[in-house]
C-alpha atoms as a PDB file:
ATOM      1  CA  UNK A   1     -15.756 -13.432 -17.508  1.00  0.00           C
ATOM      2  CA  UNK A   2     -11.849 -13.234 -17.068  1.00  0.00           C
ATOM      3  CA  UNK A   3     -11.972 -13.306 -13.286  1.00  0.00           C
ATOM      4  CA  UNK A   4     -13.607 -16.372 -13.186  1.00  0.00           C
ATOM      5  CA  UNK A   5     -11.392 -17.564 -15.630  1.00  0.00           C
ATOM      6  CA  UNK A   6      -8.288 -16.163 -14.206  1.00  0.00           C
ATOM      7  CA  UNK A   7      -8.927 -16.430 -10.274  1.00  0.00           C
ATOM      8  CA  UNK A   8      -9.058 -20.764 -11.197  1.00  0.00           C
ATOM      9  CA  UNK A   9      -5.616 -20.854 -12.673  1.00  0.00           C
ATOM     10  CA  UNK A  10      -3.518 -18.170 -11.484  1.00  0.00           C
ATOM     11  CA  UNK A  11      -4.210 -19.999  -8.246  1.00  0.00           C
ATOM     12  CA  UNK A  12      -3.341 -23.170  -9.025  1.00  0.00           C
ATOM     13  CA  UNK A  13      -0.083 -21.876 -11.506  1.00  0.00           C
ATOM     14  CA  UNK A  14       1.598 -19.674  -8.016  1.00  0.00           C
ATOM     15  CA  UNK A  15       1.051 -23.009  -5.921  1.00  0.00           C
ATOM     16  CA  UNK A  16       3.478 -25.131  -8.880  1.00  0.00           C
ATOM     17  CA  UNK A  17       6.396 -22.825  -7.389  1.00  0.00           C
ATOM     18  CA  UNK A  18       8.019 -24.646  -4.160  1.00  0.00           C
ATOM     19  CA  UNK A  19       9.113 -21.269  -1.185  1.00  0.00           C
ATOM     20  CA  UNK A  20      10.752 -23.648   1.762  1.00  0.00           C
ATOM     21  CA  UNK A  21       8.569 -26.898   0.663  1.00  0.00           C
ATOM     22  CA  UNK A  22       5.225 -24.723   0.524  1.00  0.00           C
ATOM     23  CA  UNK A  23       3.682 -23.020  -2.488  1.00  0.00           C
ATOM     24  CA  UNK A  24       3.728 -20.009  -3.008  1.00  0.00           C
ATOM     25  CA  UNK A  25       0.127 -18.766  -1.936  1.00  0.00           C
ATOM     26  CA  UNK A  26       0.475 -21.188   1.598  1.00  0.00           C
ATOM     27  CA  UNK A  27       3.462 -19.227   1.840  1.00  0.00           C
ATOM     28  CA  UNK A  28       2.483 -15.662   0.990  1.00  0.00           C
ATOM     29  CA  UNK A  29      -0.178 -16.153   2.904  1.00  0.00           C
ATOM     30  CA  UNK A  30       2.256 -17.031   6.199  1.00  0.00           C
ATOM     31  CA  UNK A  31       4.105 -14.563   5.309  1.00  0.00           C
ATOM     32  CA  UNK A  32       2.447 -11.388   4.477  1.00  0.00           C
ATOM     33  CA  UNK A  33      -0.463 -12.015   7.140  1.00  0.00           C
ATOM     34  CA  UNK A  34      -0.986 -15.235  10.138  1.00  0.00           C
ATOM     35  CA  UNK A  35       2.737 -13.966  11.169  1.00  0.00           C
ATOM     36  CA  UNK A  36       1.103 -10.999  11.705  1.00  0.00           C
ATOM     37  CA  UNK A  37      -2.457 -11.091  12.585  1.00  0.00           C
ATOM     38  CA  UNK A  38      -2.360 -14.014  15.294  1.00  0.00           C
ATOM     39  CA  UNK A  39      -6.048 -14.866  14.381  1.00  0.00           C
ATOM     40  CA  UNK A  40      -6.041 -17.431  11.693  1.00  0.00           C
ATOM     41  CA  UNK A  41      -9.533 -16.551  11.035  1.00  0.00           C
ATOM     42  CA  UNK A  42      -8.863 -12.812  10.629  1.00  0.00           C
ATOM     43  CA  UNK A  43      -5.822 -13.661   8.558  1.00  0.00           C
ATOM     44  CA  UNK A  44      -7.082 -15.786   6.446  1.00  0.00           C
ATOM     45  CA  UNK A  45      -9.933 -13.182   5.903  1.00  0.00           C
ATOM     46  CA  UNK A  46      -7.063 -10.288   5.353  1.00  0.00           C
ATOM     47  CA  UNK A  47      -5.054 -12.173   2.505  1.00  0.00           C
ATOM     48  CA  UNK A  48      -8.619 -13.553   0.890  1.00  0.00           C
ATOM     49  CA  UNK A  49      -9.140  -9.318   0.849  1.00  0.00           C
ATOM     50  CA  UNK A  50      -6.210  -8.873  -0.573  1.00  0.00           C
ATOM     51  CA  UNK A  51      -7.040 -11.273  -3.131  1.00  0.00           C
ATOM     52  CA  UNK A  52      -9.765  -9.254  -3.448  1.00  0.00           C
ATOM     53  CA  UNK A  53      -8.020  -5.891  -4.197  1.00  0.00           C
ATOM     54  CA  UNK A  54      -5.377  -7.515  -6.368  1.00  0.00           C
ATOM     55  CA  UNK A  55      -8.807  -8.195  -8.766  1.00  0.00           C
ATOM     56  CA  UNK A  56     -11.070  -5.155  -8.606  1.00  0.00           C
ATOM     57  CA  UNK A  57      -7.203  -3.071  -9.666  1.00  0.00           C
ATOM     58  CA  UNK A  58      -6.652  -5.297 -12.402  1.00  0.00           C
ATOM     59  CA  UNK A  59     -10.436  -4.618 -13.936  1.00  0.00           C
ATOM     60  CA  UNK A  60     -10.490  -1.114 -13.397  1.00  0.00           C
ATOM     61  CA  UNK A  61      -7.306  -0.526 -15.447  1.00  0.00           C
ATOM     62  CA  UNK A  62      -9.250  -3.238 -18.025  1.00  0.00           C
ATOM     63  CA  UNK A  63     -12.689  -0.227 -17.527  1.00  0.00           C
ATOM     64  CA  UNK A  64     -10.293   2.562 -17.743  1.00  0.00           C
ATOM     65  CA  UNK A  65      -9.164   1.829 -21.369  1.00  0.00           C
ATOM     66  CA  UNK A  66     -12.805   0.162 -22.351  1.00  0.00           C
ATOM     67  CA  UNK A  67     -11.817  -2.713 -21.882  1.00  0.00           C
ATOM     68  CA  UNK A  68     -14.578  -5.210 -22.049  1.00  0.00           C
ATOM     69  CA  UNK A  69     -14.183  -8.643 -22.047  1.00  0.00           C
ATOM     70  CA  UNK A  70     -17.279 -10.168 -23.333  1.00  0.00           C
ATOM     71  CA  UNK A  71     -18.559 -14.571 -23.742  1.00  0.00           C
END
């Protein structure tokens, strides 16, 4: 439930921060992935996979400390 709630809020909050006329997530996508990977599909996949990995690490941190959030 934690991921469901924050996975919708965090991108919206990050897009409120503008860098060079773009939202922060679009800017990071361009700088970190699109500039290094020529295929747009693979660049988008790398960005999505990185986002998934970040959530996995956050949830693993909570799980190891027995912080389970239930609804």
